[in-house]
N, C-alpha and C. Protein backbone atom coordinates (compact mmCIF):
# COMPACT_ATOMS: atom_id res chain seq x y z
N MET A 1 169.36 32.90 -5.07
CA MET A 1 168.54 32.51 -6.21
C MET A 1 167.60 33.65 -6.58
N ASP A 2 166.71 34.04 -5.65
CA ASP A 2 165.89 35.22 -5.86
C ASP A 2 166.67 36.46 -5.44
N ALA A 3 166.42 37.56 -6.11
CA ALA A 3 167.11 38.81 -5.78
C ALA A 3 166.70 39.29 -4.39
N PRO A 4 167.63 39.87 -3.63
CA PRO A 4 167.29 40.41 -2.31
C PRO A 4 166.20 41.48 -2.42
N ILE A 5 165.35 41.55 -1.41
CA ILE A 5 164.28 42.54 -1.38
C ILE A 5 164.53 43.50 -0.23
N GLY A 6 164.27 44.78 -0.48
CA GLY A 6 164.39 45.77 0.58
C GLY A 6 165.81 46.04 1.03
N GLN A 7 166.74 46.09 0.09
CA GLN A 7 168.12 46.38 0.45
C GLN A 7 168.26 47.82 0.96
N ASP A 8 169.10 48.00 1.95
CA ASP A 8 169.37 49.32 2.51
C ASP A 8 170.51 49.95 1.71
N LEU A 9 170.16 50.71 0.69
CA LEU A 9 171.15 51.28 -0.22
C LEU A 9 171.24 52.79 -0.03
N PRO A 10 172.43 53.36 -0.18
CA PRO A 10 172.58 54.81 -0.07
C PRO A 10 171.90 55.52 -1.24
N ASP A 11 171.54 56.78 -1.03
CA ASP A 11 170.93 57.56 -2.11
C ASP A 11 171.93 57.73 -3.25
N LEU A 12 171.41 57.75 -4.46
CA LEU A 12 172.26 57.98 -5.62
C LEU A 12 172.55 59.47 -5.78
N THR A 13 173.78 59.77 -6.12
CA THR A 13 174.18 61.15 -6.39
C THR A 13 174.83 61.22 -7.76
N SER A 14 174.94 62.42 -8.28
CA SER A 14 175.57 62.61 -9.58
C SER A 14 177.07 62.41 -9.47
N LEU A 15 177.67 61.87 -10.50
CA LEU A 15 179.11 61.71 -10.55
C LEU A 15 179.77 63.06 -10.75
N SER A 16 180.74 63.36 -9.92
CA SER A 16 181.46 64.63 -10.02
C SER A 16 182.79 64.41 -10.71
N GLU A 17 183.11 65.31 -11.64
CA GLU A 17 184.36 65.19 -12.39
C GLU A 17 184.94 66.59 -12.60
N ASN A 18 186.15 66.80 -12.06
CA ASN A 18 186.80 68.11 -12.15
C ASN A 18 185.92 69.22 -11.58
N GLY A 19 185.25 68.90 -10.48
CA GLY A 19 184.43 69.90 -9.80
C GLY A 19 183.08 70.16 -10.42
N ALA A 20 182.70 69.41 -11.45
CA ALA A 20 181.41 69.60 -12.11
C ALA A 20 180.70 68.26 -12.26
N VAL A 21 179.40 68.33 -12.49
CA VAL A 21 178.62 67.11 -12.69
C VAL A 21 178.99 66.47 -14.03
N ALA A 22 179.34 65.19 -14.00
CA ALA A 22 179.69 64.48 -15.24
C ALA A 22 178.42 64.20 -16.04
N ARG A 23 178.50 64.42 -17.35
CA ARG A 23 177.33 64.23 -18.21
C ARG A 23 177.71 63.39 -19.43
N ASP A 24 176.68 62.75 -20.01
CA ASP A 24 176.92 61.94 -21.20
C ASP A 24 176.88 62.81 -22.45
N HIS A 25 176.96 62.18 -23.62
CA HIS A 25 177.02 62.95 -24.86
C HIS A 25 175.72 63.69 -25.17
N GLU A 26 174.63 63.32 -24.46
CA GLU A 26 173.35 64.01 -24.64
C GLU A 26 173.12 65.06 -23.57
N GLY A 27 174.11 65.23 -22.69
CA GLY A 27 173.98 66.23 -21.65
C GLY A 27 173.29 65.76 -20.39
N ARG A 28 172.96 64.48 -20.31
CA ARG A 28 172.30 63.96 -19.11
C ARG A 28 173.35 63.58 -18.06
N GLU A 29 173.00 63.82 -16.80
CA GLU A 29 173.95 63.54 -15.73
C GLU A 29 174.21 62.04 -15.60
N ILE A 30 175.40 61.72 -15.15
CA ILE A 30 175.81 60.33 -14.94
C ILE A 30 175.75 60.04 -13.45
N TRP A 31 175.09 58.96 -13.07
CA TRP A 31 174.98 58.59 -11.66
C TRP A 31 176.28 57.99 -11.15
N ASP A 32 176.53 58.23 -9.88
CA ASP A 32 177.77 57.76 -9.25
C ASP A 32 177.53 56.42 -8.55
N PHE A 33 178.06 55.37 -9.12
CA PHE A 33 178.06 54.05 -8.49
C PHE A 33 179.50 53.77 -8.08
N PRO A 34 179.81 53.73 -6.78
CA PRO A 34 181.20 53.61 -6.33
C PRO A 34 181.95 52.41 -6.88
N PHE A 35 181.25 51.34 -7.20
CA PHE A 35 181.92 50.12 -7.67
C PHE A 35 182.21 50.15 -9.17
N LEU A 36 181.67 51.14 -9.88
CA LEU A 36 181.92 51.24 -11.32
C LEU A 36 183.13 52.12 -11.60
N PRO A 37 184.02 51.69 -12.48
CA PRO A 37 185.13 52.57 -12.88
C PRO A 37 184.59 53.73 -13.72
N ARG A 38 185.35 54.82 -13.77
CA ARG A 38 184.90 55.98 -14.55
C ARG A 38 184.82 55.64 -16.03
N TYR A 39 185.77 54.89 -16.53
CA TYR A 39 185.77 54.52 -17.94
C TYR A 39 185.76 53.01 -18.08
N ILE A 40 184.95 52.52 -19.01
CA ILE A 40 184.75 51.09 -19.19
C ILE A 40 184.99 50.73 -20.65
N THR A 41 185.63 49.61 -20.88
CA THR A 41 185.83 49.13 -22.24
C THR A 41 184.49 48.82 -22.90
N SER A 42 184.45 48.90 -24.20
CA SER A 42 183.21 48.57 -24.91
C SER A 42 183.01 47.06 -25.02
N ASN A 43 183.95 46.29 -24.49
CA ASN A 43 183.86 44.83 -24.54
C ASN A 43 184.10 44.23 -23.15
N PRO A 44 183.30 44.61 -22.15
CA PRO A 44 183.51 44.09 -20.80
C PRO A 44 183.13 42.61 -20.72
N PRO A 45 183.83 41.82 -19.92
CA PRO A 45 183.49 40.40 -19.80
C PRO A 45 182.12 40.20 -19.16
N GLY A 46 181.46 39.13 -19.55
CA GLY A 46 180.12 38.87 -19.06
C GLY A 46 180.04 38.71 -17.56
N TRP A 47 181.05 38.06 -16.96
CA TRP A 47 181.00 37.86 -15.51
C TRP A 47 181.08 39.18 -14.77
N LEU A 48 181.82 40.16 -15.32
CA LEU A 48 181.94 41.45 -14.66
C LEU A 48 180.64 42.23 -14.79
N LEU A 49 180.00 42.15 -15.95
CA LEU A 49 178.69 42.77 -16.12
C LEU A 49 177.70 42.20 -15.12
N GLU A 50 177.73 40.88 -14.95
CA GLU A 50 176.81 40.23 -14.02
C GLU A 50 177.07 40.70 -12.59
N TYR A 51 178.33 40.81 -12.22
CA TYR A 51 178.68 41.29 -10.88
C TYR A 51 178.16 42.70 -10.67
N TRP A 52 178.40 43.58 -11.63
CA TRP A 52 177.94 44.96 -11.49
C TRP A 52 176.42 45.03 -11.34
N MET A 53 175.71 44.32 -12.19
CA MET A 53 174.25 44.40 -12.18
C MET A 53 173.64 43.81 -10.91
N ARG A 54 174.34 42.89 -10.26
CA ARG A 54 173.84 42.31 -9.02
C ARG A 54 174.21 43.14 -7.79
N THR A 55 175.19 44.01 -7.94
CA THR A 55 175.65 44.79 -6.80
C THR A 55 174.64 45.86 -6.38
N ASP A 56 173.96 46.47 -7.34
CA ASP A 56 172.97 47.51 -7.04
C ASP A 56 171.83 47.38 -8.05
N PRO A 57 170.60 47.06 -7.59
CA PRO A 57 169.48 46.83 -8.52
C PRO A 57 169.08 48.08 -9.29
N ARG A 58 169.56 49.25 -8.87
CA ARG A 58 169.22 50.49 -9.58
C ARG A 58 170.09 50.71 -10.81
N LEU A 59 171.16 49.95 -10.92
CA LEU A 59 172.06 50.10 -12.06
C LEU A 59 171.37 49.64 -13.34
N THR A 60 171.53 50.40 -14.41
CA THR A 60 170.99 50.05 -15.71
C THR A 60 172.12 49.92 -16.72
N TYR A 61 171.79 49.37 -17.87
CA TYR A 61 172.81 49.28 -18.92
C TYR A 61 173.27 50.66 -19.37
N ARG A 62 172.38 51.63 -19.29
CA ARG A 62 172.79 52.99 -19.66
C ARG A 62 173.94 53.46 -18.79
N ASP A 63 173.89 53.18 -17.48
CA ASP A 63 174.95 53.61 -16.57
C ASP A 63 176.30 53.01 -16.96
N ILE A 64 176.26 51.83 -17.55
CA ILE A 64 177.49 51.18 -18.01
C ILE A 64 177.92 51.75 -19.36
N ARG A 65 176.96 51.88 -20.26
CA ARG A 65 177.29 52.32 -21.62
C ARG A 65 177.83 53.75 -21.66
N VAL A 66 177.31 54.64 -20.80
CA VAL A 66 177.79 56.03 -20.84
C VAL A 66 179.23 56.15 -20.35
N ARG A 67 179.72 55.12 -19.69
CA ARG A 67 181.11 55.13 -19.23
C ARG A 67 182.07 54.52 -20.25
N MET A 68 181.53 53.97 -21.32
CA MET A 68 182.38 53.36 -22.34
C MET A 68 183.11 54.44 -23.12
N SER A 69 184.39 54.22 -23.33
CA SER A 69 185.22 55.23 -24.00
C SER A 69 185.01 55.27 -25.51
N ALA A 70 184.38 54.25 -26.07
CA ALA A 70 184.14 54.22 -27.52
C ALA A 70 183.04 55.21 -27.90
N PRO A 71 183.01 55.68 -29.14
CA PRO A 71 181.93 56.54 -29.61
C PRO A 71 180.58 55.83 -29.42
N PRO A 72 179.51 56.58 -29.16
CA PRO A 72 178.19 55.96 -28.92
C PRO A 72 177.79 54.94 -29.97
N ARG A 73 178.08 55.19 -31.24
CA ARG A 73 177.65 54.27 -32.30
C ARG A 73 178.40 52.94 -32.26
N LEU A 74 179.52 52.89 -31.55
CA LEU A 74 180.31 51.66 -31.47
C LEU A 74 180.10 50.91 -30.16
N ARG A 75 179.24 51.44 -29.30
CA ARG A 75 178.98 50.78 -28.03
C ARG A 75 177.95 49.66 -28.24
N PRO A 76 178.12 48.53 -27.56
CA PRO A 76 177.17 47.43 -27.73
C PRO A 76 175.78 47.80 -27.25
N ALA A 77 174.77 47.27 -27.90
CA ALA A 77 173.39 47.51 -27.50
C ALA A 77 173.10 46.82 -26.18
N GLU A 78 172.03 47.26 -25.51
CA GLU A 78 171.68 46.67 -24.22
C GLU A 78 171.41 45.17 -24.35
N ASN A 79 170.74 44.78 -25.41
CA ASN A 79 170.45 43.36 -25.59
C ASN A 79 171.73 42.54 -25.75
N ALA A 80 172.73 43.12 -26.42
CA ALA A 80 174.00 42.42 -26.58
C ALA A 80 174.69 42.23 -25.23
N LEU A 81 174.61 43.24 -24.37
CA LEU A 81 175.21 43.13 -23.04
C LEU A 81 174.47 42.08 -22.22
N ASN A 82 173.15 42.06 -22.33
CA ASN A 82 172.38 41.08 -21.58
C ASN A 82 172.69 39.66 -22.04
N MET A 83 172.81 39.45 -23.34
CA MET A 83 173.12 38.12 -23.85
C MET A 83 174.54 37.70 -23.47
N ARG A 84 175.43 38.66 -23.33
CA ARG A 84 176.79 38.34 -22.89
C ARG A 84 176.76 37.85 -21.44
N ARG A 85 175.95 38.50 -20.61
CA ARG A 85 175.79 38.05 -19.22
C ARG A 85 175.24 36.63 -19.19
N GLU A 86 174.25 36.38 -20.03
CA GLU A 86 173.62 35.06 -20.05
C GLU A 86 174.61 33.99 -20.51
N ARG A 87 175.32 34.28 -21.59
CA ARG A 87 176.23 33.30 -22.20
C ARG A 87 177.47 33.05 -21.35
N ASP A 88 178.05 34.12 -20.80
CA ASP A 88 179.36 34.01 -20.15
C ASP A 88 179.30 33.86 -18.63
N ALA A 89 178.14 34.12 -18.03
CA ALA A 89 178.06 34.05 -16.56
C ALA A 89 176.86 33.25 -16.08
N ARG A 90 175.67 33.70 -16.40
CA ARG A 90 174.49 33.04 -15.82
C ARG A 90 174.35 31.59 -16.25
N ARG A 91 174.55 31.32 -17.53
CA ARG A 91 174.36 29.94 -17.99
C ARG A 91 175.42 28.99 -17.45
N PRO A 92 176.73 29.28 -17.57
CA PRO A 92 177.72 28.33 -17.05
C PRO A 92 177.69 28.19 -15.53
N LEU A 93 177.29 29.25 -14.82
CA LEU A 93 177.24 29.18 -13.36
C LEU A 93 175.85 28.80 -12.85
N ARG A 94 174.91 28.63 -13.78
CA ARG A 94 173.52 28.26 -13.45
C ARG A 94 172.87 29.31 -12.55
N LEU A 95 173.16 30.56 -12.80
CA LEU A 95 172.63 31.65 -11.99
C LEU A 95 171.22 32.01 -12.41
N SER A 96 170.44 32.47 -11.45
CA SER A 96 169.14 33.04 -11.78
C SER A 96 169.33 34.46 -12.29
N CYS A 97 168.30 34.98 -12.92
CA CYS A 97 168.37 36.35 -13.44
C CYS A 97 167.77 37.29 -12.40
N TRP A 98 168.53 38.31 -12.02
CA TRP A 98 168.06 39.25 -11.01
C TRP A 98 167.49 40.54 -11.59
N THR A 99 167.33 40.63 -12.88
CA THR A 99 166.84 41.86 -13.47
C THR A 99 165.37 42.01 -13.11
N TYR A 100 165.05 43.01 -12.29
CA TYR A 100 163.71 43.15 -11.74
C TYR A 100 162.63 43.29 -12.79
N ARG A 101 162.90 44.02 -13.87
CA ARG A 101 161.84 44.25 -14.85
C ARG A 101 161.46 42.97 -15.58
N ARG A 102 162.24 41.92 -15.38
CA ARG A 102 161.92 40.63 -15.99
C ARG A 102 161.31 39.68 -14.98
N GLY A 103 160.90 40.19 -13.83
CA GLY A 103 160.45 39.31 -12.77
C GLY A 103 159.00 38.88 -12.83
N THR A 104 158.20 39.39 -13.76
CA THR A 104 156.79 39.04 -13.81
C THR A 104 156.59 37.70 -14.49
N PRO A 105 155.80 36.80 -13.86
CA PRO A 105 155.59 35.47 -14.44
C PRO A 105 155.02 35.52 -15.85
N GLY A 106 154.24 36.57 -16.17
CA GLY A 106 153.62 36.66 -17.48
C GLY A 106 154.62 36.79 -18.62
N ARG A 107 155.87 37.14 -18.30
CA ARG A 107 156.89 37.30 -19.34
C ARG A 107 157.86 36.11 -19.34
N LEU A 108 157.38 34.99 -18.86
CA LEU A 108 158.23 33.79 -18.79
C LEU A 108 158.77 33.43 -20.17
N ASN A 109 160.03 33.02 -20.18
CA ASN A 109 160.69 32.69 -21.43
C ASN A 109 161.30 31.30 -21.35
N LYS A 110 161.69 30.76 -22.48
CA LYS A 110 162.32 29.45 -22.53
C LYS A 110 163.55 29.39 -21.64
N ILE A 111 164.31 30.48 -21.58
CA ILE A 111 165.52 30.50 -20.75
C ILE A 111 165.18 30.26 -19.29
N ASP A 112 164.03 30.80 -18.82
CA ASP A 112 163.63 30.61 -17.42
C ASP A 112 163.37 29.14 -17.13
N VAL A 113 162.76 28.43 -18.07
CA VAL A 113 162.49 27.01 -17.87
C VAL A 113 163.79 26.21 -17.93
N GLU A 114 164.70 26.61 -18.80
CA GLU A 114 166.00 25.94 -18.87
C GLU A 114 166.74 26.08 -17.54
N ARG A 115 166.58 27.22 -16.87
CA ARG A 115 167.26 27.42 -15.59
C ARG A 115 166.72 26.47 -14.53
N VAL A 116 165.40 26.44 -14.34
CA VAL A 116 164.86 25.60 -13.27
C VAL A 116 165.10 24.12 -13.56
N GLU A 117 165.26 23.77 -14.82
CA GLU A 117 165.58 22.38 -15.16
C GLU A 117 166.92 21.97 -14.56
N ARG A 118 167.84 22.92 -14.45
CA ARG A 118 169.18 22.62 -13.94
C ARG A 118 169.26 22.70 -12.41
N TRP A 119 168.22 23.22 -11.77
CA TRP A 119 168.25 23.35 -10.31
C TRP A 119 167.61 22.14 -9.65
N SER A 120 168.18 21.74 -8.52
CA SER A 120 167.60 20.65 -7.75
C SER A 120 166.58 21.21 -6.76
N VAL A 121 165.77 20.31 -6.21
CA VAL A 121 164.79 20.73 -5.20
C VAL A 121 165.50 21.36 -4.01
N ASP A 122 166.64 20.80 -3.60
CA ASP A 122 167.36 21.35 -2.45
C ASP A 122 167.98 22.71 -2.75
N GLN A 123 168.40 22.94 -3.98
CA GLN A 123 168.93 24.26 -4.32
C GLN A 123 167.84 25.32 -4.17
N ILE A 124 166.65 25.01 -4.63
CA ILE A 124 165.54 25.95 -4.47
C ILE A 124 165.18 26.07 -2.99
N ARG A 125 165.23 24.97 -2.28
CA ARG A 125 164.91 24.98 -0.84
C ARG A 125 165.86 25.89 -0.07
N TYR A 126 167.14 25.86 -0.44
CA TYR A 126 168.13 26.66 0.27
C TYR A 126 168.45 27.98 -0.44
N ASN A 127 167.66 28.34 -1.43
CA ASN A 127 167.78 29.63 -2.11
C ASN A 127 169.18 29.86 -2.66
N THR A 128 169.70 28.89 -3.40
CA THR A 128 171.06 29.03 -3.92
C THR A 128 171.23 28.27 -5.23
N THR A 129 172.11 28.77 -6.06
CA THR A 129 172.50 28.02 -7.26
C THR A 129 173.86 27.37 -7.05
N MET A 130 174.42 27.47 -5.83
CA MET A 130 175.63 26.74 -5.50
C MET A 130 175.33 25.25 -5.46
N ASP A 131 176.38 24.43 -5.48
CA ASP A 131 176.19 22.99 -5.36
C ASP A 131 175.82 22.65 -3.92
N VAL A 132 174.86 21.76 -3.76
CA VAL A 132 174.53 21.23 -2.44
C VAL A 132 175.31 19.92 -2.27
N VAL A 133 176.16 19.86 -1.26
CA VAL A 133 177.01 18.69 -1.02
C VAL A 133 176.32 17.76 -0.02
N TYR A 134 176.33 16.47 -0.34
CA TYR A 134 175.62 15.49 0.48
C TYR A 134 176.60 14.51 1.12
N ALA A 135 176.17 13.95 2.23
CA ALA A 135 176.88 12.84 2.88
C ALA A 135 175.83 11.84 3.33
N ASP A 136 175.94 10.62 2.83
CA ASP A 136 174.94 9.58 3.11
C ASP A 136 173.54 10.04 2.73
N GLY A 137 173.45 10.78 1.62
CA GLY A 137 172.15 11.20 1.12
C GLY A 137 171.54 12.40 1.82
N VAL A 138 172.28 12.99 2.76
CA VAL A 138 171.77 14.13 3.53
C VAL A 138 172.59 15.37 3.18
N PRO A 139 171.94 16.51 2.88
CA PRO A 139 172.71 17.73 2.57
C PRO A 139 173.49 18.20 3.79
N VAL A 140 174.78 18.54 3.59
CA VAL A 140 175.62 18.96 4.71
C VAL A 140 176.11 20.40 4.58
N HIS A 141 176.40 20.86 3.35
CA HIS A 141 176.82 22.24 3.17
C HIS A 141 176.74 22.61 1.69
N LEU A 142 177.02 23.89 1.41
CA LEU A 142 177.03 24.39 0.05
C LEU A 142 178.46 24.54 -0.43
N ALA A 143 178.67 24.41 -1.73
CA ALA A 143 180.00 24.63 -2.33
C ALA A 143 179.83 25.54 -3.53
N ASP A 144 180.69 26.56 -3.62
CA ASP A 144 180.54 27.51 -4.72
C ASP A 144 181.05 26.92 -6.03
N ARG A 145 180.74 27.63 -7.10
CA ARG A 145 181.11 27.21 -8.45
C ARG A 145 181.82 28.38 -9.11
N ALA A 146 182.77 28.11 -9.99
CA ALA A 146 183.54 29.18 -10.63
C ALA A 146 183.69 28.91 -12.11
N LEU A 147 184.11 29.96 -12.84
CA LEU A 147 184.32 29.83 -14.28
C LEU A 147 185.67 29.21 -14.61
N ALA A 148 186.58 29.19 -13.65
CA ALA A 148 187.91 28.60 -13.85
C ALA A 148 188.16 27.57 -12.75
N ALA A 149 189.19 26.75 -12.95
CA ALA A 149 189.53 25.74 -11.95
C ALA A 149 189.84 26.41 -10.62
N HIS A 150 189.28 25.88 -9.55
CA HIS A 150 189.51 26.46 -8.23
C HIS A 150 189.16 25.43 -7.16
N THR A 151 189.57 25.71 -5.93
CA THR A 151 189.18 24.89 -4.79
C THR A 151 187.90 25.48 -4.22
N PRO A 152 186.79 24.75 -4.27
CA PRO A 152 185.51 25.32 -3.83
C PRO A 152 185.53 25.76 -2.37
N SER A 153 184.93 26.91 -2.12
CA SER A 153 184.68 27.35 -0.75
C SER A 153 183.33 26.79 -0.32
N THR A 154 183.20 26.48 0.96
CA THR A 154 181.95 25.91 1.45
C THR A 154 181.23 26.89 2.36
N TYR A 155 179.91 26.73 2.43
CA TYR A 155 179.06 27.63 3.22
C TYR A 155 178.01 26.79 3.92
N PRO A 156 177.50 27.28 5.06
CA PRO A 156 176.42 26.56 5.75
C PRO A 156 175.18 26.46 4.85
N LEU A 157 174.38 25.46 5.08
CA LEU A 157 173.19 25.26 4.26
C LEU A 157 172.25 26.45 4.30
N HIS A 158 172.15 27.11 5.44
CA HIS A 158 171.19 28.20 5.61
C HIS A 158 171.79 29.57 5.30
N TYR A 159 172.93 29.58 4.61
CA TYR A 159 173.65 30.84 4.38
C TYR A 159 172.81 31.88 3.64
N PHE A 160 171.98 31.44 2.70
CA PHE A 160 171.21 32.37 1.88
C PHE A 160 169.74 32.43 2.29
N LEU A 161 169.42 31.89 3.45
CA LEU A 161 168.06 31.95 3.94
C LEU A 161 167.89 33.14 4.88
N ASN A 162 166.69 33.64 4.96
CA ASN A 162 166.39 34.80 5.79
C ASN A 162 166.25 34.37 7.24
N GLU A 163 167.32 34.59 8.02
CA GLU A 163 167.34 34.23 9.44
C GLU A 163 166.99 32.76 9.66
N GLY A 164 167.42 31.93 8.72
CA GLY A 164 167.23 30.50 8.88
C GLY A 164 165.88 29.98 8.46
N ARG A 165 164.96 30.88 8.06
CA ARG A 165 163.63 30.43 7.66
C ARG A 165 163.67 29.77 6.29
N ALA A 166 162.78 28.82 6.09
CA ALA A 166 162.72 28.12 4.81
C ALA A 166 162.41 29.11 3.69
N GLU A 167 162.99 28.86 2.55
CA GLU A 167 162.81 29.76 1.40
C GLU A 167 161.49 29.47 0.70
N ILE A 168 160.76 30.54 0.37
CA ILE A 168 159.56 30.44 -0.45
C ILE A 168 159.92 31.01 -1.81
N PRO A 169 160.02 30.18 -2.84
CA PRO A 169 160.43 30.68 -4.15
C PRO A 169 159.49 31.77 -4.67
N SER A 170 160.02 32.65 -5.47
CA SER A 170 159.22 33.71 -6.06
C SER A 170 158.18 33.13 -7.01
N ASP A 171 157.18 33.96 -7.34
CA ASP A 171 156.15 33.52 -8.28
C ASP A 171 156.78 33.10 -9.61
N ARG A 172 157.79 33.84 -10.02
CA ARG A 172 158.42 33.54 -11.31
C ARG A 172 159.05 32.15 -11.31
N ILE A 173 159.75 31.80 -10.23
CA ILE A 173 160.37 30.48 -10.15
C ILE A 173 159.31 29.39 -10.08
N ARG A 174 158.26 29.62 -9.30
CA ARG A 174 157.20 28.61 -9.19
C ARG A 174 156.50 28.38 -10.53
N VAL A 175 156.24 29.47 -11.25
CA VAL A 175 155.60 29.34 -12.56
C VAL A 175 156.52 28.60 -13.53
N ALA A 176 157.81 28.94 -13.50
CA ALA A 176 158.77 28.27 -14.38
C ALA A 176 158.83 26.77 -14.07
N GLN A 177 158.81 26.42 -12.78
CA GLN A 177 158.79 25.01 -12.40
C GLN A 177 157.55 24.31 -12.94
N SER A 178 156.41 24.97 -12.77
CA SER A 178 155.15 24.39 -13.22
C SER A 178 155.16 24.15 -14.73
N VAL A 179 155.67 25.12 -15.49
CA VAL A 179 155.75 24.97 -16.94
C VAL A 179 156.71 23.85 -17.31
N PHE A 180 157.84 23.77 -16.59
CA PHE A 180 158.81 22.70 -16.86
C PHE A 180 158.19 21.32 -16.66
N PHE A 181 157.48 21.14 -15.54
CA PHE A 181 156.86 19.84 -15.26
C PHE A 181 155.78 19.52 -16.30
N ARG A 182 155.01 20.54 -16.68
CA ARG A 182 153.94 20.31 -17.66
C ARG A 182 154.51 19.94 -19.02
N LEU A 183 155.53 20.67 -19.46
CA LEU A 183 156.14 20.37 -20.76
C LEU A 183 156.84 19.01 -20.75
N SER A 184 157.47 18.68 -19.63
CA SER A 184 158.15 17.38 -19.52
C SER A 184 157.14 16.24 -19.61
N GLU A 185 156.00 16.42 -18.95
CA GLU A 185 154.96 15.39 -19.00
C GLU A 185 154.39 15.27 -20.41
N ARG A 186 154.22 16.40 -21.08
CA ARG A 186 153.71 16.36 -22.45
C ARG A 186 154.70 15.66 -23.39
N ALA A 187 155.99 15.93 -23.20
CA ALA A 187 157.01 15.27 -24.01
C ALA A 187 156.97 13.76 -23.80
N LYS A 188 156.78 13.35 -22.55
CA LYS A 188 156.70 11.92 -22.24
C LYS A 188 155.50 11.29 -22.95
N GLN A 189 154.37 12.00 -22.95
CA GLN A 189 153.17 11.48 -23.62
C GLN A 189 153.40 11.29 -25.12
N LEU A 190 154.22 12.16 -25.70
CA LEU A 190 154.49 12.09 -27.14
C LEU A 190 155.67 11.18 -27.48
N GLY A 191 156.24 10.54 -26.46
CA GLY A 191 157.34 9.62 -26.70
C GLY A 191 158.67 10.32 -26.92
N LEU A 192 158.80 11.55 -26.45
CA LEU A 192 160.04 12.31 -26.61
C LEU A 192 160.88 12.19 -25.34
N THR A 193 162.17 12.36 -25.47
CA THR A 193 163.06 12.22 -24.31
C THR A 193 163.25 13.52 -23.54
N SER A 194 162.85 14.65 -24.11
CA SER A 194 163.03 15.94 -23.45
C SER A 194 161.96 16.92 -23.92
N TRP A 195 161.57 17.83 -23.05
CA TRP A 195 160.60 18.86 -23.41
C TRP A 195 161.16 19.76 -24.52
N ARG A 196 162.47 19.83 -24.63
CA ARG A 196 163.09 20.67 -25.66
C ARG A 196 162.76 20.17 -27.07
N GLN A 197 162.39 18.89 -27.19
CA GLN A 197 162.07 18.32 -28.49
C GLN A 197 160.63 18.57 -28.91
N LEU A 198 159.85 19.20 -28.06
CA LEU A 198 158.46 19.48 -28.40
C LEU A 198 158.37 20.44 -29.58
N PRO A 199 157.38 20.28 -30.44
CA PRO A 199 157.19 21.24 -31.53
C PRO A 199 156.77 22.60 -30.96
N ASP A 200 157.01 23.64 -31.70
CA ASP A 200 156.70 24.99 -31.24
C ASP A 200 155.24 25.14 -30.84
N SER A 201 154.36 24.39 -31.47
CA SER A 201 152.93 24.51 -31.17
C SER A 201 152.60 24.08 -29.75
N GLU A 202 153.49 23.33 -29.10
CA GLU A 202 153.27 22.86 -27.73
C GLU A 202 153.83 23.84 -26.70
N TRP A 203 154.59 24.81 -27.13
CA TRP A 203 155.21 25.75 -26.20
C TRP A 203 154.26 26.89 -25.85
N PRO A 204 154.42 27.47 -24.66
CA PRO A 204 153.61 28.64 -24.29
C PRO A 204 153.85 29.79 -25.27
N ASP A 205 152.84 30.64 -25.42
CA ASP A 205 152.98 31.77 -26.34
C ASP A 205 154.16 32.66 -25.98
N THR A 206 154.44 32.81 -24.68
CA THR A 206 155.53 33.70 -24.27
C THR A 206 156.88 33.22 -24.79
N PHE A 207 157.02 31.92 -25.04
CA PHE A 207 158.27 31.41 -25.60
C PHE A 207 158.51 31.99 -26.98
N ARG A 208 157.43 32.16 -27.72
CA ARG A 208 157.56 32.65 -29.09
C ARG A 208 157.68 34.17 -29.13
N TYR A 209 157.02 34.85 -28.19
CA TYR A 209 156.99 36.31 -28.24
C TYR A 209 158.17 36.96 -27.53
N ASN A 210 158.88 36.21 -26.68
CA ASN A 210 160.01 36.77 -25.94
C ASN A 210 161.31 36.09 -26.34
N VAL A 211 161.44 35.77 -27.60
CA VAL A 211 162.60 35.00 -28.06
C VAL A 211 163.90 35.75 -27.91
N SER A 212 163.89 37.08 -27.79
CA SER A 212 165.14 37.84 -27.72
C SER A 212 165.76 37.80 -26.35
N ARG A 213 165.06 37.26 -25.35
CA ARG A 213 165.57 37.30 -24.00
C ARG A 213 166.44 36.11 -23.68
């Protein structure tokens, strides 16, 4: 659910091509990420973008875009790539966003509240967006979720916990939960069935100022 902290990652080096440092059209060096192909389509699927961005937190959209074989003017903008990740991967799989620069609670957006609305207390407790499977009302294991029909794989409940210790949600998740509960209560007071039906005047300012996220 929350992005890993303090990962032991190898140092980044420049990508070598034909015995020389590979550079983009502006002459800047291209970083070597072993999991990235040398050339990338200008229309990569959202789930693949999400996988790449979660594999190494140092990866940026620039690292992906400079590998696209299309002319620079035909490459999708960073915001378009981010929205593709949201639409095609994070939203259907109910994934949290691991982009570090968006981790500050002060930049909370409507999408963040929509995410925590879909998570159960036990999912947050076990630090996962996988399904928590119950037997007689007691959680027994986790089951993964996929974009296509599949037989779910199962995992122990503590699979994503740090050495079995209880998960403490990040400030961003806690703030999003607090906003969700507050908006839900306000909607109830106004006789509405969902916080989503609240007028814009009832929403936090960040909802209006960060609408592109």
